[in-house]
Amino acid sequence: MELKVLAIDIGGTNVKIRVDADPEKRSFPSGTSLTPQQMVEGVLKLAQGWTFDAVSIGLPAPISKNQPTHDPANLGKGWVDFDYDNGFAKKVKLVNDAAMQAVGSYDGGRMLFLGLGTGLGSCLIADHVIIPMELAHMPYRKGKSFEDAVGVRALKKHGKKRWEKEVHEVIEIISAGLLPDYVVLGGGNAVRLKDIPKNCRLGDNANAFTGGFRLWAPEWAKSVAVYHK
């Protein structure tokens, strides 16, 4: 029997959910006070009428050994020690939100995913092996990080033209170091680019749901284990 999956994409503004059997996307507000317990309660209320056997969660925080290493910057507290599989009473896979969208964008080979949103999300996938990355806060130049250069604050402060120039430079530097076959640009600000850099293509935020569904396919089993507290 095919596994029915609920995919949850948690952002700083909204929590978005979908099941693979229904194209409808449902959402509710998140915000800086949202706790994991409130997230679970909100999702279960919103998902009424859907049936699912397993849950995929994309969380905007670093994930190590299927556990957040610290609370997300734009959400409430308690995400590190929360018992996710007990909360949903279902099998759960927990990944970084950029990684979930990366999985949904993957077309084989060695792919670099960069999420141009509030900050800079990043993930490398090589032959279905997910390699989570935290490139955002690595030093770039003049005391600034990559996120300082291409995040939404830089876009608002310096304007679109300078921001786009920085995006091209950052992609060139990161690509030179990681040697991807191709780069997928996701996040809400990717569509603001006038010129798409060489060897890049635009992703789609809806790919986060596709990624959530794919996480339970056999080819991804070694990359993301089932969550256990």
N, C-alpha and C. Protein backbone atom coordinates (compact mmCIF):
# COMPACT_ATOMS: atom_id res chain seq x y z
N MET A 1 0.85 -1.19 0.00
CA MET A 1 0.00 0.00 0.00
C MET A 1 0.88 1.25 0.00
N GLU A 2 0.53 2.21 -0.84
CA GLU A 2 1.31 3.43 -0.94
C GLU A 2 1.10 4.31 0.30
N LEU A 3 2.19 4.82 0.82
CA LEU A 3 2.15 5.66 2.01
C LEU A 3 1.52 7.01 1.68
N LYS A 4 0.57 7.44 2.50
CA LYS A 4 -0.04 8.75 2.34
C LYS A 4 0.69 9.75 3.24
N VAL A 5 1.21 10.82 2.62
CA VAL A 5 2.11 11.73 3.33
C VAL A 5 1.49 13.12 3.47
N LEU A 6 1.64 13.70 4.66
CA LEU A 6 1.31 15.10 4.92
C LEU A 6 2.63 15.87 4.95
N ALA A 7 2.77 16.87 4.08
CA ALA A 7 3.98 17.71 4.06
C ALA A 7 3.68 19.04 4.72
N ILE A 8 4.57 19.46 5.62
CA ILE A 8 4.41 20.71 6.37
C ILE A 8 5.61 21.60 6.09
N ASP A 9 5.35 22.78 5.56
CA ASP A 9 6.39 23.75 5.25
C ASP A 9 6.24 24.91 6.23
N ILE A 10 7.17 24.99 7.20
CA ILE A 10 7.05 25.98 8.26
C ILE A 10 7.90 27.20 7.92
N GLY A 11 7.27 28.35 7.81
CA GLY A 11 7.98 29.59 7.54
C GLY A 11 7.79 30.59 8.66
N GLY A 12 8.46 31.71 8.56
CA GLY A 12 8.35 32.74 9.59
C GLY A 12 7.03 33.49 9.55
N THR A 13 6.30 33.37 8.44
CA THR A 13 5.01 34.06 8.30
C THR A 13 3.83 33.11 8.35
N ASN A 14 3.97 31.95 7.69
CA ASN A 14 2.87 30.99 7.63
C ASN A 14 3.38 29.56 7.76
N VAL A 15 2.51 28.69 8.24
CA VAL A 15 2.71 27.25 8.18
C VAL A 15 1.81 26.74 7.06
N LYS A 16 2.40 26.09 6.06
CA LYS A 16 1.66 25.63 4.89
C LYS A 16 1.67 24.10 4.87
N ILE A 17 0.53 23.50 4.54
CA ILE A 17 0.43 22.04 4.54
C ILE A 17 -0.27 21.54 3.28
N ARG A 18 0.07 20.28 2.92
CA ARG A 18 -0.58 19.63 1.78
C ARG A 18 -0.43 18.13 1.92
N VAL A 19 -1.38 17.38 1.40
CA VAL A 19 -1.23 15.93 1.27
C VAL A 19 -1.05 15.61 -0.19
N ASP A 20 -0.37 14.49 -0.48
CA ASP A 20 -0.06 14.17 -1.86
C ASP A 20 -1.28 13.82 -2.69
N ALA A 21 -2.38 13.45 -2.03
CA ALA A 21 -3.59 13.07 -2.77
C ALA A 21 -4.47 14.26 -3.12
N ASP A 22 -4.12 15.46 -2.65
CA ASP A 22 -4.98 16.63 -2.84
C ASP A 22 -4.12 17.84 -3.23
N PRO A 23 -4.41 18.51 -4.36
CA PRO A 23 -3.61 19.67 -4.77
C PRO A 23 -3.84 20.92 -3.92
N GLU A 24 -4.86 20.90 -3.05
CA GLU A 24 -5.16 22.07 -2.24
C GLU A 24 -4.07 22.31 -1.20
N LYS A 25 -3.62 23.56 -1.11
CA LYS A 25 -2.68 23.96 -0.07
C LYS A 25 -3.46 24.70 1.01
N ARG A 26 -3.19 24.37 2.27
CA ARG A 26 -3.83 25.05 3.38
C ARG A 26 -2.75 25.71 4.24
N SER A 27 -3.10 26.80 4.91
CA SER A 27 -2.08 27.50 5.70
C SER A 27 -2.72 28.24 6.87
N PHE A 28 -1.88 28.54 7.86
CA PHE A 28 -2.28 29.40 8.98
C PHE A 28 -1.05 30.20 9.40
N PRO A 29 -1.25 31.36 10.05
CA PRO A 29 -0.12 32.22 10.41
C PRO A 29 0.81 31.57 11.43
N SER A 30 2.10 31.85 11.31
CA SER A 30 3.07 31.36 12.29
C SER A 30 3.51 32.52 13.18
N GLY A 31 4.69 33.09 12.95
CA GLY A 31 5.11 34.25 13.72
C GLY A 31 6.09 33.92 14.84
N THR A 32 6.60 34.96 15.48
CA THR A 32 7.71 34.83 16.42
C THR A 32 7.34 34.17 17.75
N SER A 33 6.07 33.94 17.98
CA SER A 33 5.67 33.28 19.24
C SER A 33 5.22 31.84 19.03
N LEU A 34 5.26 31.34 17.79
CA LEU A 34 4.75 30.00 17.50
C LEU A 34 5.63 28.93 18.14
N THR A 35 5.03 28.08 18.95
CA THR A 35 5.73 26.95 19.56
C THR A 35 5.45 25.68 18.74
N PRO A 36 6.25 24.63 18.92
CA PRO A 36 5.97 23.39 18.18
C PRO A 36 4.63 22.77 18.56
N GLN A 37 4.23 22.88 19.82
CA GLN A 37 2.93 22.35 20.21
C GLN A 37 1.80 23.09 19.50
N GLN A 38 1.91 24.42 19.41
CA GLN A 38 0.91 25.20 18.67
C GLN A 38 0.91 24.83 17.19
N MET A 39 2.10 24.55 16.64
CA MET A 39 2.20 24.13 15.25
C MET A 39 1.44 22.83 15.03
N VAL A 40 1.69 21.85 15.91
CA VAL A 40 1.02 20.55 15.78
C VAL A 40 -0.49 20.71 15.88
N GLU A 41 -0.95 21.46 16.88
CA GLU A 41 -2.39 21.66 17.06
C GLU A 41 -3.01 22.37 15.86
N GLY A 42 -2.30 23.38 15.32
CA GLY A 42 -2.80 24.11 14.15
C GLY A 42 -2.85 23.24 12.92
N VAL A 43 -1.84 22.40 12.73
CA VAL A 43 -1.80 21.51 11.56
C VAL A 43 -2.91 20.48 11.64
N LEU A 44 -3.08 19.84 12.78
CA LEU A 44 -4.10 18.80 12.90
C LEU A 44 -5.51 19.37 12.72
N LYS A 45 -5.72 20.58 13.21
CA LYS A 45 -7.02 21.22 13.00
C LYS A 45 -7.24 21.54 11.53
N LEU A 46 -6.20 22.04 10.87
CA LEU A 46 -6.30 22.44 9.47
C LEU A 46 -6.41 21.23 8.55
N ALA A 47 -5.84 20.11 8.97
CA ALA A 47 -5.80 18.92 8.11
C ALA A 47 -7.04 18.04 8.23
N GLN A 48 -8.05 18.50 8.96
CA GLN A 48 -9.27 17.71 9.11
C GLN A 48 -9.87 17.39 7.74
N GLY A 49 -10.26 16.12 7.56
CA GLY A 49 -10.79 15.67 6.28
C GLY A 49 -9.75 14.99 5.42
N TRP A 50 -8.48 15.16 5.76
CA TRP A 50 -7.39 14.47 5.05
C TRP A 50 -6.99 13.22 5.83
N THR A 51 -6.59 12.18 5.12
CA THR A 51 -6.02 11.00 5.76
C THR A 51 -4.55 10.90 5.38
N PHE A 52 -3.70 10.56 6.34
CA PHE A 52 -2.27 10.43 6.07
C PHE A 52 -1.64 9.46 7.07
N ASP A 53 -0.57 8.81 6.60
CA ASP A 53 0.12 7.81 7.41
C ASP A 53 1.43 8.32 7.97
N ALA A 54 1.99 9.36 7.32
CA ALA A 54 3.31 9.85 7.70
C ALA A 54 3.36 11.36 7.49
N VAL A 55 4.33 12.00 8.16
CA VAL A 55 4.45 13.46 8.14
C VAL A 55 5.88 13.84 7.78
N SER A 56 6.03 14.81 6.87
CA SER A 56 7.32 15.43 6.58
C SER A 56 7.26 16.88 7.03
N ILE A 57 8.28 17.30 7.76
CA ILE A 57 8.32 18.67 8.28
C ILE A 57 9.57 19.37 7.77
N GLY A 58 9.38 20.52 7.13
CA GLY A 58 10.48 21.39 6.75
C GLY A 58 10.54 22.55 7.74
N LEU A 59 11.62 22.62 8.52
CA LEU A 59 11.75 23.59 9.60
C LEU A 59 12.90 24.55 9.31
N PRO A 60 12.71 25.86 9.48
CA PRO A 60 13.78 26.82 9.19
C PRO A 60 14.82 26.89 10.30
N ALA A 61 15.53 25.77 10.48
CA ALA A 61 16.59 25.67 11.49
C ALA A 61 17.54 24.57 11.07
N PRO A 62 18.79 24.62 11.50
CA PRO A 62 19.72 23.52 11.21
C PRO A 62 19.23 22.23 11.85
N ILE A 63 19.33 21.12 11.12
CA ILE A 63 18.91 19.82 11.61
C ILE A 63 20.12 18.89 11.64
N SER A 64 20.36 18.26 12.76
CA SER A 64 21.45 17.30 12.90
C SER A 64 20.93 16.06 13.60
N LYS A 65 21.12 14.89 12.98
CA LYS A 65 20.64 13.63 13.54
C LYS A 65 19.14 13.71 13.80
N ASN A 66 18.43 14.25 12.82
CA ASN A 66 16.96 14.34 12.85
C ASN A 66 16.42 15.21 13.99
N GLN A 67 17.25 16.15 14.46
CA GLN A 67 16.84 17.01 15.57
C GLN A 67 17.30 18.44 15.30
N PRO A 68 16.45 19.46 15.55
CA PRO A 68 16.93 20.85 15.41
C PRO A 68 18.07 21.11 16.39
N THR A 69 19.10 21.81 15.93
CA THR A 69 20.22 22.13 16.82
C THR A 69 19.94 23.37 17.65
N HIS A 70 19.03 24.22 17.19
CA HIS A 70 18.57 25.36 17.99
C HIS A 70 17.22 25.83 17.46
N ASP A 71 16.54 26.67 18.22
CA ASP A 71 15.23 27.16 17.81
C ASP A 71 15.33 28.02 16.55
N PRO A 72 14.33 27.95 15.67
CA PRO A 72 14.32 28.83 14.50
C PRO A 72 14.35 30.30 14.91
N ALA A 73 15.03 31.11 14.13
CA ALA A 73 15.22 32.52 14.49
C ALA A 73 13.91 33.29 14.51
N ASN A 74 12.95 32.93 13.65
CA ASN A 74 11.73 33.72 13.50
C ASN A 74 10.49 33.05 14.08
N LEU A 75 10.69 32.04 14.95
CA LEU A 75 9.57 31.37 15.58
C LEU A 75 9.75 31.41 17.10
N GLY A 76 8.87 30.72 17.82
CA GLY A 76 8.94 30.71 19.27
C GLY A 76 9.99 29.73 19.79
N LYS A 77 9.83 29.31 21.03
CA LYS A 77 10.82 28.45 21.68
C LYS A 77 10.32 27.00 21.78
N GLY A 78 11.27 26.10 22.06
CA GLY A 78 10.91 24.72 22.38
C GLY A 78 11.06 23.72 21.25
N TRP A 79 11.60 24.12 20.12
CA TRP A 79 11.67 23.24 18.95
C TRP A 79 12.74 22.16 19.08
N VAL A 80 13.77 22.41 19.85
CA VAL A 80 14.88 21.45 19.96
C VAL A 80 14.45 20.18 20.68
N ASP A 81 13.74 20.30 21.77
CA ASP A 81 13.42 19.15 22.62
C ASP A 81 12.01 18.59 22.40
N PHE A 82 11.30 19.13 21.44
CA PHE A 82 9.91 18.68 21.23
C PHE A 82 9.88 17.27 20.65
N ASP A 83 8.87 16.49 21.05
CA ASP A 83 8.69 15.11 20.58
C ASP A 83 7.72 15.12 19.40
N TYR A 84 8.25 15.17 18.17
CA TYR A 84 7.43 15.36 16.98
C TYR A 84 6.58 14.15 16.64
N ASP A 85 7.15 12.94 16.71
CA ASP A 85 6.34 11.77 16.34
C ASP A 85 5.23 11.52 17.36
N ASN A 86 5.47 11.81 18.61
CA ASN A 86 4.42 11.69 19.61
C ASN A 86 3.35 12.76 19.41
N GLY A 87 3.78 13.97 19.01
CA GLY A 87 2.83 15.05 18.77
C GLY A 87 1.82 14.72 17.69
N PHE A 88 2.31 14.11 16.62
CA PHE A 88 1.42 13.78 15.50
C PHE A 88 0.87 12.35 15.59
N ALA A 89 1.45 11.52 16.45
CA ALA A 89 1.08 10.11 16.54
C ALA A 89 1.20 9.44 15.17
N LYS A 90 2.20 9.86 14.40
CA LYS A 90 2.50 9.32 13.07
C LYS A 90 4.01 9.23 12.91
N LYS A 91 4.44 8.50 11.91
CA LYS A 91 5.85 8.50 11.55
C LYS A 91 6.21 9.87 10.99
N VAL A 92 7.36 10.41 11.40
CA VAL A 92 7.76 11.77 11.04
C VAL A 92 9.17 11.77 10.46
N LYS A 93 9.38 12.58 9.41
CA LYS A 93 10.72 12.91 8.93
C LYS A 93 10.88 14.42 9.04
N LEU A 94 11.99 14.84 9.66
CA LEU A 94 12.22 16.25 9.96
C LEU A 94 13.49 16.70 9.23
N VAL A 95 13.36 17.74 8.40
CA VAL A 95 14.50 18.26 7.65
C VAL A 95 14.49 19.79 7.68
N ASN A 96 15.60 20.39 7.33
CA ASN A 96 15.64 21.84 7.14
C ASN A 96 14.70 22.22 6.00
N ASP A 97 14.08 23.39 6.08
CA ASP A 97 13.10 23.78 5.05
C ASP A 97 13.75 23.91 3.67
N ALA A 98 15.00 24.41 3.61
CA ALA A 98 15.69 24.50 2.32
C ALA A 98 15.95 23.11 1.75
N ALA A 99 16.28 22.16 2.62
CA ALA A 99 16.54 20.80 2.17
C ALA A 99 15.27 20.17 1.60
N MET A 100 14.12 20.43 2.21
CA MET A 100 12.88 19.85 1.71
C MET A 100 12.53 20.41 0.33
N GLN A 101 12.73 21.72 0.15
CA GLN A 101 12.47 22.30 -1.16
C GLN A 101 13.51 21.82 -2.18
N ALA A 102 14.74 21.59 -1.71
CA ALA A 102 15.78 21.08 -2.60
C ALA A 102 15.42 19.69 -3.11
N VAL A 103 14.95 18.83 -2.23
CA VAL A 103 14.55 17.48 -2.64
C VAL A 103 13.45 17.55 -3.70
N GLY A 104 12.52 18.47 -3.53
CA GLY A 104 11.44 18.62 -4.50
C GLY A 104 11.89 19.22 -5.81
N SER A 105 13.07 19.84 -5.84
CA SER A 105 13.60 20.48 -7.05
C SER A 105 14.60 19.59 -7.78
N TYR A 106 14.94 18.47 -7.18
CA TYR A 106 16.07 17.66 -7.65
C TYR A 106 15.77 16.91 -8.94
N ASP A 107 16.72 16.97 -9.89
CA ASP A 107 16.60 16.28 -11.17
C ASP A 107 17.78 15.36 -11.44
N GLY A 108 18.45 14.91 -10.38
CA GLY A 108 19.57 13.99 -10.54
C GLY A 108 20.91 14.70 -10.50
N GLY A 109 21.98 13.90 -10.41
CA GLY A 109 23.32 14.45 -10.41
C GLY A 109 23.65 15.19 -9.13
N ARG A 110 24.45 16.25 -9.28
CA ARG A 110 24.92 17.05 -8.15
C ARG A 110 24.28 18.42 -8.24
N MET A 111 23.32 18.69 -7.36
CA MET A 111 22.54 19.92 -7.41
C MET A 111 22.78 20.77 -6.17
N LEU A 112 23.02 22.06 -6.39
CA LEU A 112 23.09 23.04 -5.31
C LEU A 112 21.79 23.81 -5.28
N PHE A 113 21.17 23.87 -4.11
CA PHE A 113 19.96 24.67 -3.93
C PHE A 113 20.29 25.87 -3.06
N LEU A 114 19.90 27.06 -3.53
CA LEU A 114 20.06 28.28 -2.75
C LEU A 114 18.70 28.96 -2.64
N GLY A 115 18.29 29.23 -1.42
CA GLY A 115 17.00 29.87 -1.19
C GLY A 115 17.17 31.34 -0.89
N LEU A 116 16.74 32.18 -1.82
CA LEU A 116 16.85 33.63 -1.67
C LEU A 116 15.56 34.15 -1.04
N GLY A 117 15.56 34.21 0.28
CA GLY A 117 14.37 34.67 0.98
C GLY A 117 14.74 35.71 2.02
N THR A 118 14.21 35.53 3.23
CA THR A 118 14.59 36.42 4.33
C THR A 118 16.10 36.38 4.53
N GLY A 119 16.65 35.18 4.50
CA GLY A 119 18.09 34.99 4.59
C GLY A 119 18.59 34.27 3.35
N LEU A 120 19.44 33.27 3.57
CA LEU A 120 19.96 32.46 2.47
C LEU A 120 19.95 31.00 2.90
N GLY A 121 19.01 30.24 2.33
CA GLY A 121 18.97 28.80 2.58
C GLY A 121 19.90 28.09 1.63
N SER A 122 20.41 26.93 2.05
CA SER A 122 21.34 26.21 1.17
C SER A 122 21.30 24.72 1.44
N CYS A 123 21.50 23.95 0.37
CA CYS A 123 21.52 22.50 0.47
C CYS A 123 22.19 21.94 -0.79
N LEU A 124 23.00 20.92 -0.61
CA LEU A 124 23.62 20.22 -1.73
C LEU A 124 23.06 18.81 -1.75
N ILE A 125 22.69 18.34 -2.95
CA ILE A 125 22.24 16.95 -3.11
C ILE A 125 23.12 16.30 -4.17
N ALA A 126 23.70 15.17 -3.83
CA ALA A 126 24.56 14.43 -4.76
C ALA A 126 24.07 12.99 -4.84
N ASP A 127 23.51 12.63 -6.00
CA ASP A 127 23.00 11.26 -6.21
C ASP A 127 22.07 10.82 -5.09
N HIS A 128 21.10 11.67 -4.78
CA HIS A 128 20.04 11.42 -3.79
C HIS A 128 20.55 11.44 -2.34
N VAL A 129 21.77 11.87 -2.13
CA VAL A 129 22.26 12.05 -0.76
C VAL A 129 22.14 13.53 -0.42
N ILE A 130 21.36 13.83 0.63
CA ILE A 130 21.14 15.21 1.05
C ILE A 130 22.29 15.66 1.95
N ILE A 131 22.92 16.77 1.58
CA ILE A 131 24.01 17.32 2.38
C ILE A 131 23.56 18.70 2.86
N PRO A 132 22.95 18.78 4.05
CA PRO A 132 22.50 20.09 4.57
C PRO A 132 23.69 21.02 4.75
N MET A 133 23.47 22.29 4.48
CA MET A 133 24.54 23.26 4.60
C MET A 133 24.03 24.51 5.30
N GLU A 134 24.94 25.21 5.95
CA GLU A 134 24.62 26.49 6.58
C GLU A 134 25.62 27.53 6.05
N LEU A 135 25.45 27.88 4.78
CA LEU A 135 26.37 28.82 4.13
C LEU A 135 26.07 30.27 4.49
N ALA A 136 24.87 30.53 4.95
CA ALA A 136 24.39 31.91 5.12
C ALA A 136 25.33 32.77 5.94
N HIS A 137 25.88 32.22 7.02
CA HIS A 137 26.65 33.04 7.96
C HIS A 137 28.16 32.90 7.78
N MET A 138 28.56 32.25 6.69
CA MET A 138 30.00 32.19 6.40
C MET A 138 30.48 33.55 5.90
N PRO A 139 31.74 33.90 6.19
CA PRO A 139 32.24 35.23 5.80
C PRO A 139 32.33 35.38 4.28
N TYR A 140 31.92 36.56 3.83
CA TYR A 140 31.91 36.87 2.40
C TYR A 140 32.99 37.90 2.11
N ARG A 141 32.78 39.16 2.52
CA ARG A 141 33.81 40.19 2.36
C ARG A 141 33.43 41.41 3.19
N LYS A 142 34.44 42.18 3.56
CA LYS A 142 34.26 43.39 4.35
C LYS A 142 33.46 43.13 5.63
N GLY A 143 33.73 41.99 6.25
CA GLY A 143 33.07 41.65 7.50
C GLY A 143 31.64 41.18 7.36
N LYS A 144 31.17 41.04 6.13
CA LYS A 144 29.79 40.62 5.89
C LYS A 144 29.73 39.12 5.56
N SER A 145 28.59 38.54 5.85
CA SER A 145 28.34 37.14 5.50
C SER A 145 27.63 37.08 4.15
N PHE A 146 27.49 35.87 3.62
CA PHE A 146 26.73 35.69 2.38
C PHE A 146 25.30 36.19 2.56
N GLU A 147 24.71 35.91 3.72
CA GLU A 147 23.34 36.35 3.97
C GLU A 147 23.24 37.87 4.03
N ASP A 148 24.24 38.51 4.61
CA ASP A 148 24.26 39.98 4.65
C ASP A 148 24.21 40.57 3.24
N ALA A 149 24.81 39.86 2.29
CA ALA A 149 24.91 40.37 0.93
C ALA A 149 23.68 40.12 0.09
N VAL A 150 23.00 38.97 0.32
CA VAL A 150 21.91 38.60 -0.59
C VAL A 150 20.58 38.38 0.10
N GLY A 151 20.51 38.58 1.42
CA GLY A 151 19.25 38.45 2.13
C GLY A 151 18.31 39.61 1.86
N VAL A 152 17.11 39.53 2.41
CA VAL A 152 16.10 40.55 2.11
C VAL A 152 16.50 41.92 2.66
N ARG A 153 17.27 41.97 3.74
CA ARG A 153 17.70 43.27 4.28
C ARG A 153 18.62 43.99 3.30
N ALA A 154 19.49 43.23 2.62
CA ALA A 154 20.36 43.83 1.62
C ALA A 154 19.57 44.34 0.43
N LEU A 155 18.54 43.60 0.04
CA LEU A 155 17.69 44.03 -1.06
C LEU A 155 16.99 45.34 -0.73
N LYS A 156 16.48 45.45 0.48
CA LYS A 156 15.78 46.68 0.89
C LYS A 156 16.74 47.84 1.08
N LYS A 157 17.93 47.56 1.58
CA LYS A 157 18.89 48.62 1.87
C LYS A 157 19.57 49.16 0.62
N HIS A 158 19.98 48.27 -0.27
CA HIS A 158 20.81 48.67 -1.41
C HIS A 158 20.06 48.75 -2.74
N GLY A 159 18.85 48.19 -2.79
CA GLY A 159 18.11 48.22 -4.04
C GLY A 159 18.37 47.00 -4.89
N LYS A 160 17.49 46.80 -5.85
CA LYS A 160 17.48 45.57 -6.64
C LYS A 160 18.74 45.40 -7.50
N LYS A 161 19.24 46.47 -8.09
CA LYS A 161 20.38 46.36 -9.01
C LYS A 161 21.62 45.86 -8.29
N ARG A 162 21.96 46.49 -7.17
CA ARG A 162 23.15 46.08 -6.41
C ARG A 162 22.95 44.69 -5.80
N TRP A 163 21.75 44.44 -5.31
CA TRP A 163 21.44 43.13 -4.74
C TRP A 163 21.64 42.02 -5.76
N GLU A 164 21.15 42.24 -6.98
CA GLU A 164 21.28 41.22 -8.03
C GLU A 164 22.75 40.99 -8.38
N LYS A 165 23.54 42.04 -8.40
CA LYS A 165 24.97 41.90 -8.68
C LYS A 165 25.64 41.02 -7.61
N GLU A 166 25.26 41.25 -6.35
CA GLU A 166 25.80 40.45 -5.26
C GLU A 166 25.36 38.99 -5.38
N VAL A 167 24.10 38.77 -5.76
CA VAL A 167 23.59 37.40 -5.93
C VAL A 167 24.44 36.65 -6.95
N HIS A 168 24.72 37.30 -8.08
CA HIS A 168 25.53 36.66 -9.12
C HIS A 168 26.93 36.32 -8.60
N GLU A 169 27.52 37.24 -7.85
CA GLU A 169 28.87 37.01 -7.34
C GLU A 169 28.89 35.89 -6.30
N VAL A 170 27.91 35.88 -5.41
CA VAL A 170 27.84 34.85 -4.38
C VAL A 170 27.65 33.47 -5.02
N ILE A 171 26.77 33.38 -6.00
CA ILE A 171 26.55 32.10 -6.68
C ILE A 171 27.83 31.62 -7.36
N GLU A 172 28.55 32.54 -7.97
CA GLU A 172 29.80 32.18 -8.65
C GLU A 172 30.82 31.64 -7.65
N ILE A 173 30.95 32.28 -6.50
CA ILE A 173 31.92 31.85 -5.49
C ILE A 173 31.55 30.48 -4.92
N ILE A 174 30.29 30.32 -4.54
CA ILE A 174 29.86 29.05 -3.94
C ILE A 174 29.96 27.92 -4.96
N SER A 175 29.57 28.19 -6.20
CA SER A 175 29.64 27.16 -7.24
C SER A 175 31.08 26.74 -7.51
N ALA A 176 31.99 27.70 -7.46
CA ALA A 176 33.40 27.37 -7.69
C ALA A 176 33.93 26.42 -6.62
N GLY A 177 33.40 26.53 -5.42
CA GLY A 177 33.85 25.68 -4.33
C GLY A 177 33.18 24.32 -4.29
N LEU A 178 31.91 24.24 -4.70
CA LEU A 178 31.15 22.99 -4.56
C LEU A 178 30.97 22.22 -5.87
N LEU A 179 31.22 22.87 -7.01
CA LEU A 179 31.19 22.24 -8.33
C LEU A 179 29.87 21.50 -8.63
N PRO A 180 28.74 22.17 -8.48
CA PRO A 180 27.47 21.51 -8.80
C PRO A 180 27.28 21.35 -10.30
N ASP A 181 26.48 20.36 -10.69
CA ASP A 181 26.10 20.22 -12.10
C ASP A 181 25.14 21.34 -12.49
N TYR A 182 24.32 21.77 -11.54
CA TYR A 182 23.37 22.86 -11.78
C TYR A 182 22.95 23.44 -10.43
N VAL A 183 22.40 24.65 -10.49
CA VAL A 183 21.97 25.37 -9.29
C VAL A 183 20.49 25.69 -9.43
N VAL A 184 19.73 25.43 -8.38
CA VAL A 184 18.31 25.81 -8.34
C VAL A 184 18.16 26.96 -7.35
N LEU A 185 17.52 28.02 -7.79
CA LEU A 185 17.31 29.20 -6.96
C LEU A 185 15.85 29.24 -6.49
N GLY A 186 15.66 29.06 -5.21
CA GLY A 186 14.32 29.10 -4.64
C GLY A 186 14.17 30.30 -3.73
N GLY A 187 13.13 30.27 -2.89
CA GLY A 187 12.87 31.39 -2.01
C GLY A 187 12.07 32.47 -2.70
N GLY A 188 11.46 33.32 -1.90
CA GLY A 188 10.54 34.31 -2.45
C GLY A 188 11.16 35.38 -3.30
N ASN A 189 12.49 35.62 -3.16
CA ASN A 189 13.11 36.71 -3.91
C ASN A 189 13.79 36.26 -5.20
N ALA A 190 13.84 34.98 -5.46
CA ALA A 190 14.48 34.49 -6.69
C ALA A 190 13.81 35.06 -7.94
N VAL A 191 12.50 35.24 -7.87
CA VAL A 191 11.77 35.73 -9.04
C VAL A 191 12.08 37.20 -9.33
N ARG A 192 12.76 37.89 -8.40
CA ARG A 192 13.12 39.29 -8.62
C ARG A 192 14.34 39.44 -9.53
N LEU A 193 15.03 38.35 -9.79
CA LEU A 193 16.23 38.42 -10.63
C LEU A 193 15.85 38.74 -12.07
N LYS A 194 16.49 39.75 -12.63
CA LYS A 194 16.25 40.10 -14.03
C LYS A 194 16.96 39.13 -14.95
N ASP A 195 18.19 38.77 -14.59
CA ASP A 195 18.98 37.81 -15.37
C ASP A 195 19.30 36.60 -14.49
N ILE A 196 18.97 35.43 -15.00
CA ILE A 196 19.26 34.20 -14.25
C ILE A 196 20.73 33.83 -14.49
N PRO A 197 21.52 33.65 -13.43
CA PRO A 197 22.93 33.33 -13.61
C PRO A 197 23.15 32.05 -14.41
N LYS A 198 24.32 31.94 -14.99
CA LYS A 198 24.68 30.77 -15.78
C LYS A 198 24.57 29.51 -14.94
N ASN A 199 24.07 28.45 -15.55
CA ASN A 199 23.95 27.12 -14.93
C ASN A 199 22.92 27.10 -13.80
N CYS A 200 22.03 28.10 -13.79
CA CYS A 200 20.98 28.18 -12.76
C CYS A 200 19.60 28.09 -13.39
N ARG A 201 18.64 27.66 -12.59
CA ARG A 201 17.23 27.75 -12.97
C ARG A 201 16.42 28.10 -11.73
N LEU A 202 15.27 28.70 -11.96
CA LEU A 202 14.39 29.06 -10.85
C LEU A 202 13.65 27.84 -10.33
N GLY A 203 13.53 27.76 -9.02
CA GLY A 203 12.72 26.73 -8.41
C GLY A 203 11.31 27.24 -8.19
N ASP A 204 10.59 26.60 -7.31
CA ASP A 204 9.22 26.99 -7.00
C ASP A 204 8.97 26.62 -5.55
N ASN A 205 8.37 27.52 -4.78
CA ASN A 205 8.10 27.22 -3.37
C ASN A 205 7.22 25.99 -3.20
N ALA A 206 6.39 25.71 -4.22
CA ALA A 206 5.54 24.51 -4.15
C ALA A 206 6.37 23.23 -4.15
N ASN A 207 7.63 23.32 -4.58
CA ASN A 207 8.49 22.14 -4.57
C ASN A 207 8.77 21.64 -3.16
N ALA A 208 8.53 22.48 -2.16
CA ALA A 208 8.70 22.03 -0.78
C ALA A 208 7.74 20.87 -0.48
N PHE A 209 6.53 20.95 -0.99
CA PHE A 209 5.58 19.86 -0.79
C PHE A 209 6.02 18.61 -1.55
N THR A 210 6.45 18.79 -2.80
CA THR A 210 6.97 17.66 -3.57
C THR A 210 8.11 16.99 -2.83
N GLY A 211 9.00 17.82 -2.24
CA GLY A 211 10.09 17.27 -1.46
C GLY A 211 9.62 16.49 -0.26
N GLY A 212 8.61 17.02 0.43
CA GLY A 212 8.05 16.31 1.58
C GLY A 212 7.50 14.95 1.21
N PHE A 213 6.85 14.87 0.06
CA PHE A 213 6.31 13.57 -0.39
C PHE A 213 7.45 12.64 -0.79
N ARG A 214 8.45 13.17 -1.48
CA ARG A 214 9.56 12.35 -1.96
C ARG A 214 10.40 11.75 -0.83
N LEU A 215 10.45 12.42 0.32
CA LEU A 215 11.29 11.96 1.42
C LEU A 215 10.99 10.52 1.85
N TRP A 216 9.78 10.06 1.55
CA TRP A 216 9.39 8.71 1.97
C TRP A 216 9.61 7.69 0.88
N ALA A 217 10.12 8.10 -0.29
CA ALA A 217 10.43 7.17 -1.38
C ALA A 217 11.72 6.42 -1.04
N PRO A 218 11.88 5.19 -1.54
CA PRO A 218 13.05 4.36 -1.17
C PRO A 218 14.39 5.03 -1.47
N GLU A 219 14.49 5.81 -2.56
CA GLU A 219 15.79 6.38 -2.93
C GLU A 219 16.29 7.45 -1.95
N TRP A 220 15.39 7.94 -1.09
CA TRP A 220 15.78 8.96 -0.11
C TRP A 220 15.92 8.38 1.29
N ALA A 221 15.68 7.09 1.46
CA ALA A 221 15.63 6.49 2.79
C ALA A 221 16.95 6.63 3.55
N LYS A 222 18.08 6.50 2.85
CA LYS A 222 19.37 6.57 3.53
C LYS A 222 19.71 8.00 3.93
N SER A 223 19.11 8.97 3.26
CA SER A 223 19.45 10.37 3.52
C SER A 223 18.70 10.94 4.71
N VAL A 224 17.45 10.53 4.90
CA VAL A 224 16.63 11.08 5.97
C VAL A 224 15.94 9.92 6.70
N ALA A 225 16.36 9.70 7.93
CA ALA A 225 15.76 8.60 8.72
C ALA A 225 14.45 9.06 9.32
N VAL A 226 13.64 8.09 9.71
CA VAL A 226 12.40 8.38 10.43
C VAL A 226 12.77 8.97 11.79
N TYR A 227 12.08 10.04 12.17
CA TYR A 227 12.35 10.74 13.43
C TYR A 227 12.01 9.85 14.63
N HIS A 228 12.90 9.85 15.61
CA HIS A 228 12.59 9.22 16.91
C HIS A 228 13.16 10.11 18.00
N LYS A 229 12.36 10.41 18.98
CA LYS A 229 12.80 11.22 20.12
C LYS A 229 13.76 10.41 20.99
